[in-house]
Protein backbone atom coordinates (compact mmCIF):
# COMPACT_ATOMS: atom_id res chain seq x y z
CA MET A 1 0.00 0.00 0.00
CA ARG A 2 1.16 3.60 -0.55
CA ARG A 3 0.10 6.85 1.10
CA ASN A 4 0.05 10.28 -0.56
CA ASP A 5 3.33 11.35 1.17
CA ASN A 6 5.23 8.58 -0.59
CA THR A 7 5.56 6.59 2.64
CA HIS A 8 5.28 2.86 2.20
CA LEU A 9 3.11 0.80 4.51
CA HIS A 10 4.41 -2.60 5.43
CA ILE A 11 1.78 -5.17 6.24
CA ASN A 12 2.91 -7.83 8.68
CA SER A 13 1.53 -11.33 8.83
CA PRO A 14 -1.36 -11.89 11.26
CA ASP A 15 -0.19 -12.43 14.83
CA LYS A 16 -1.43 -15.06 17.22
CA GLU A 17 -4.56 -13.04 17.87
CA GLY A 18 -5.30 -12.76 14.13
CA VAL A 19 -4.69 -9.03 14.04
CA ILE A 20 -2.90 -7.62 11.08
CA ARG A 21 -0.56 -4.85 12.18
CA MET A 22 0.86 -2.21 9.86
CA ARG A 23 3.95 -0.01 10.22
CA ALA A 24 5.15 2.84 8.06
CA LEU A 25 8.51 2.70 6.34
CA ARG A 26 10.27 5.87 5.26
CA PRO A 27 11.49 5.87 1.72
CA SER A 28 15.22 5.35 1.29
CA PRO A 29 17.11 8.35 -0.03
CA PRO A 30 18.00 8.12 -3.66
CA ILE A 31 21.48 6.80 -4.29
CA THR A 32 23.65 9.18 -6.26
CA THR A 33 27.05 8.55 -7.68
CA GLN A 34 29.92 11.00 -7.89
CA ASN A 35 33.05 10.91 -9.92
CA HIS A 36 36.07 10.76 -7.52
CA ALA A 37 39.57 11.54 -8.65
CA PRO A 38 41.93 8.60 -8.40
CA ILE A 39 44.05 8.60 -5.19
CA THR A 40 47.74 8.60 -5.95
CA LYS A 41 50.24 7.60 -3.25
CA MET A 42 53.43 9.68 -2.77
CA PRO A 43 56.53 7.71 -3.74
CA ARG A 44 58.46 6.48 -0.69
CA GLN A 45 61.63 8.36 -1.69
CA GLU A 46 59.82 11.72 -1.88
CA GLU A 47 58.14 11.04 1.47
CA GLU A 48 61.50 10.37 3.16
CA GLN A 49 63.00 13.56 1.65
CA GLN A 50 60.08 15.64 2.97
CA THR A 51 60.50 14.12 6.45
CA GLN A 52 64.24 14.90 6.45
CA GLN A 53 63.56 18.51 5.45
CA GLN A 54 61.08 18.92 8.34
CA GLN A 55 63.62 17.46 10.78
CA GLN A 56 66.34 19.86 9.57
CA GLN A 57 64.00 22.83 9.99
CA TYR A 58 63.17 21.71 13.51
CA ASN A 59 66.86 21.31 14.46
CA SER A 60 67.70 24.78 13.11
CA ALA A 61 64.83 26.43 14.98
CA ALA A 62 65.65 24.62 18.22
CA ALA A 63 69.30 25.71 18.03
CA LEU A 64 68.64 29.37 17.17
CA SER A 65 65.81 29.95 19.64
CA PRO A 66 67.97 30.24 22.82
CA LEU A 67 70.66 32.18 20.90
CA PHE A 68 68.21 34.85 19.74
CA CYS A 69 66.74 34.97 23.25
CA LEU A 70 70.19 35.60 24.77
CA LEU A 71 71.09 38.31 22.23
CA ALA A 72 67.80 40.07 22.79
CA SER A 73 68.36 40.12 26.55
CA ILE A 74 71.90 41.53 26.19
CA VAL A 75 71.45 44.03 23.34
CA PHE A 76 68.01 45.39 24.17
CA SER A 77 68.23 45.00 27.97
CA THR A 78 64.87 43.33 28.07
CA PHE A 79 63.41 40.00 29.03
CA CYS A 80 63.05 37.35 26.36
CA ILE A 81 60.44 34.62 26.57
CA GLN A 82 61.99 31.62 24.86
CA SER A 83 59.47 29.73 22.76
CA THR A 84 59.20 25.98 22.70
CA VAL A 85 60.03 24.33 19.37
CA ALA A 86 58.30 21.00 18.96
CA ALA A 87 59.72 18.20 16.89
CA PRO A 88 57.75 17.11 13.79
CA GLY A 89 54.88 14.90 14.85
CA THR A 90 55.15 15.94 18.53
CA ARG A 91 52.02 17.22 20.23
CA VAL A 92 52.73 20.18 22.52
CA THR A 93 50.12 20.69 25.21
CA SER A 94 49.69 23.40 27.84
CA SER A 95 50.82 20.98 30.55
CA THR A 96 54.06 20.31 28.66
CA VAL A 97 54.83 24.03 28.34
CA SER A 98 54.01 24.77 31.99
CA LEU A 99 56.25 21.90 33.10
CA GLN A 100 59.16 23.32 31.10
CA ILE A 101 58.60 26.82 32.52
CA THR A 102 58.52 25.43 36.06
CA ASN A 103 61.81 23.60 35.58
CA ASP A 104 63.53 26.57 33.96
CA THR A 105 62.46 29.07 36.62
CA LYS A 106 63.41 27.13 39.75
CA CYS A 107 65.46 29.76 41.57
CA LEU A 108 65.37 29.09 45.31
CA HIS A 109 66.75 32.47 46.43
CA GLY A 110 66.46 34.74 43.41
CA HIS A 111 64.51 35.27 40.19
CA TYR A 112 64.73 34.01 36.61
CA ASN A 113 65.29 36.49 33.77
CA ALA A 114 64.59 34.04 30.89
CA VAL A 115 68.31 33.29 30.58
CA ARG A 116 69.55 32.32 34.05
CA CYS A 117 68.89 32.74 37.76
CA ILE A 118 69.71 36.14 39.25
CA CYS A 119 70.54 35.34 42.87
CA ASP A 120 69.67 37.43 45.91
CA PRO A 121 72.56 38.93 47.93
CA CYS A 122 74.68 36.25 49.67
CA TRP A 123 73.36 33.43 47.44
CA GLU A 124 75.14 31.73 44.54
CA GLY A 125 74.82 28.69 42.29
CA GLU A 126 72.78 27.80 39.22
CA ASP A 127 69.59 27.64 41.28
CA CYS A 128 70.70 30.15 43.98
CA SER A 129 70.86 27.47 46.68
CA GLU A 130 74.42 28.08 47.94
CA TYR A 131 74.79 30.53 50.85
CA VAL A 132 78.09 32.43 50.98
CA ASP A 133 79.71 34.55 53.71
CA TYR A 134 83.18 35.49 52.52
CA TYR A 135 84.15 38.09 55.13
CA SER A 136 84.12 38.12 58.93
CA PRO A 137 82.85 41.07 60.99
CA ARG A 138 85.65 43.19 62.47
CA PHE A 139 85.77 45.81 65.19
CA LEU A 140 87.30 49.11 64.10
CA ILE A 141 89.46 48.98 67.25
CA HIS A 142 90.25 46.05 69.53
CA SER A 143 90.90 47.88 72.81
CA ALA A 144 89.05 50.81 74.35
CA SER A 145 88.86 52.67 77.67
CA VAL A 146 85.99 54.78 78.98
CA VAL A 147 85.85 57.13 81.98
CA VAL A 148 82.43 57.64 83.56
CA ALA A 149 80.93 59.27 86.65
CA THR A 150 79.44 57.29 89.49
CA ASN A 151 75.97 58.51 88.60
CA VAL A 152 76.29 58.00 84.84
CA SER A 153 73.12 57.01 83.00
CA GLY A 154 72.17 56.25 79.43
CA THR A 155 74.72 55.33 76.78
CA VAL A 156 78.22 54.61 78.06
CA TYR A 157 79.93 53.25 74.96
CA ARG A 158 79.12 52.17 71.41
CA ALA A 159 81.00 49.45 69.59
CA TRP A 160 81.59 49.93 65.87
CA SER A 161 82.26 47.09 63.47
CA THR A 162 82.39 46.48 59.74
CA ASP A 163 81.80 43.50 57.46
CA GLY A 164 83.40 43.25 54.03
CA ASP A 165 80.41 41.38 52.60
CA LEU A 166 78.54 44.68 52.56
CA GLY A 167 79.79 46.27 49.36
CA LEU A 168 81.79 43.28 48.09
CA THR A 169 79.37 40.36 48.29
CA CYS A 170 76.27 42.57 48.38
CA PRO A 171 75.70 45.82 46.48
CA LEU A 172 75.74 49.05 48.46
CA GLY A 173 72.52 51.03 48.64
CA PRO A 174 69.65 52.10 50.87
CA GLY A 175 67.82 49.60 53.03
CA GLU A 176 68.31 47.57 56.16
CA SER A 177 71.10 45.07 56.66
CA ALA A 178 68.54 42.29 56.17
CA ARG A 179 68.97 42.71 52.40
CA CYS A 180 72.56 41.53 52.91
CA PRO A 181 72.19 38.70 55.44
CA CYS A 182 75.85 37.68 55.27
CA ALA A 183 76.82 41.18 56.52
CA ALA A 184 74.34 41.27 59.43
CA VAL A 185 75.99 41.13 62.89
CA ARG A 186 75.05 40.73 66.55
CA TYR A 187 76.88 41.97 69.68
CA GLN A 188 77.45 40.26 73.02
CA LEU A 189 78.91 41.45 76.35
CA PHE A 190 81.02 39.14 78.53
CA ALA A 191 81.48 40.12 82.18
CA ARG A 192 82.69 38.54 85.39
CA PRO A 193 80.20 36.40 87.32
CA GLY A 194 77.79 38.63 89.26
CA ASP A 195 78.63 41.79 87.29
CA TYR A 196 75.38 43.26 85.95
CA HIS A 197 76.34 46.95 85.92
CA PHE A 198 76.08 47.33 82.14
CA THR A 199 73.99 45.88 79.34
CA ILE A 200 74.45 45.87 75.57
CA ASP A 201 72.02 46.20 72.67
CA THR A 202 72.74 43.12 70.55
CA ALA A 203 71.70 44.84 67.31
CA THR A 204 73.41 48.25 67.67
CA GLY A 205 76.36 47.53 70.02
CA ILE A 206 75.33 50.35 72.41
CA LEU A 207 76.47 49.78 76.01
CA SER A 208 74.20 51.25 78.70
CA ARG A 209 74.24 51.58 82.47
CA ASN A 210 72.01 49.28 84.53
CA LEU A 211 70.59 51.63 87.17
CA LYS A 212 69.65 48.76 89.48
CA PHE A 213 73.30 48.38 90.50
CA GLN A 214 75.58 51.05 92.04
CA LEU A 215 79.02 51.75 90.57
CA GLU A 216 82.01 51.66 92.86
CA PRO A 217 84.18 54.82 92.65
CA SER A 218 87.82 54.50 91.51
CA LYS A 219 87.15 51.04 90.11
CA THR A 220 87.76 49.75 86.58
CA TYR A 221 85.23 47.32 85.19
CA SER A 222 86.69 45.04 82.52
CA TYR A 223 84.64 43.47 79.76
CA LYS A 224 84.97 41.66 76.48
CA LEU A 225 82.71 42.57 73.59
CA LEU A 226 82.02 40.11 70.81
CA VAL A 227 80.65 40.79 67.33
CA ARG A 228 79.56 37.78 65.27
CA SER A 229 77.82 36.94 62.05
CA VAL A 230 74.15 35.97 62.11
CA PRO A 231 73.35 32.36 61.20
CA VAL A 232 70.76 31.74 58.51
CA GLN A 233 67.96 29.38 59.42
CA GLY A 234 68.41 25.98 57.82
CA ILE A 235 71.97 26.73 56.64
CA SER A 236 74.96 25.18 58.43
CA HIS A 237 78.14 27.25 58.33
CA ASP A 238 80.87 28.49 60.67
CA ILE A 239 80.06 31.48 62.87
CA GLN A 240 82.61 34.26 62.28
CA TYR A 241 83.41 36.71 65.06
CA ASP A 242 85.81 39.31 66.50
CA LEU A 243 86.63 40.48 70.08
CA LEU A 244 87.23 43.82 71.76
CA ASP A 245 88.65 44.54 75.25
CA LEU A 246 86.78 47.30 77.05
CA GLY A 247 87.68 48.96 80.36
CA ILE A 248 85.28 51.32 82.13
CA TYR A 249 86.84 53.44 84.89
CA VAL A 250 84.51 55.06 87.43
CA SER A 251 85.97 58.47 88.42
CA PRO A 252 84.94 59.94 91.81
CA ASP A 253 85.63 63.51 90.64
CA TYR A 254 84.52 63.15 87.05
CA ILE A 255 83.48 66.47 85.46
CA ARG A 256 81.75 66.35 82.13
CA LYS A 257 83.08 69.06 79.88
CA ILE A 258 81.15 70.50 76.93
CA PRO A 259 83.49 71.67 74.14
CA TRP A 260 81.58 74.84 73.26
CA THR A 261 81.38 76.23 76.81
């Protein structure tokens, strides 16, 4: 049977109940033929030559990429982002590129400038993991004497020291000594047992009178001052230091003179 919309009706055989059931079948699309051009296969020799040419281009690009990046950084004083050159047939994904960037920029104590690691002061090595402290702290003088009154208060003496790492290992410039950790120092005061007449500021080297204890007139108090380098947490290295002998004489008739009076 055929309907007006060109849809065929397929009549099934009667089922067990004797009912004839019909279902519609859509017409099959007309089969058309097209003329296809014959497929020709590239000769094996030409295919090998083309592959060799692609490999040579890849090798040339991979070799020149870091060179151009280095020249750009030196000549134009700018950062150069080195591109990744993939071999023929290699699929480069975002995860591959991010992995390469992570490996190239692993500077523990510094930053990466697309060519190499620029280490922070006092750090060296390809990945800035080597701590260096080339110079020991030194007092400007190693023996000093101070005359004070029995009722002296405030600052009694100030120790001065220098460290060659500041200016030689680290660049000079504004900022705290923390930017040059290998030049940072701490001071200590060594006294006889039971002598608490003076205290020292460990950061500045300023010696002050402890007002809780009276000074004995006509007596010289002897001390040793120590200046040492500051250890870096997690880094094992020798502590460098220097010593100074200090004598403080308490004068019973001490008169403080002001130069401009």
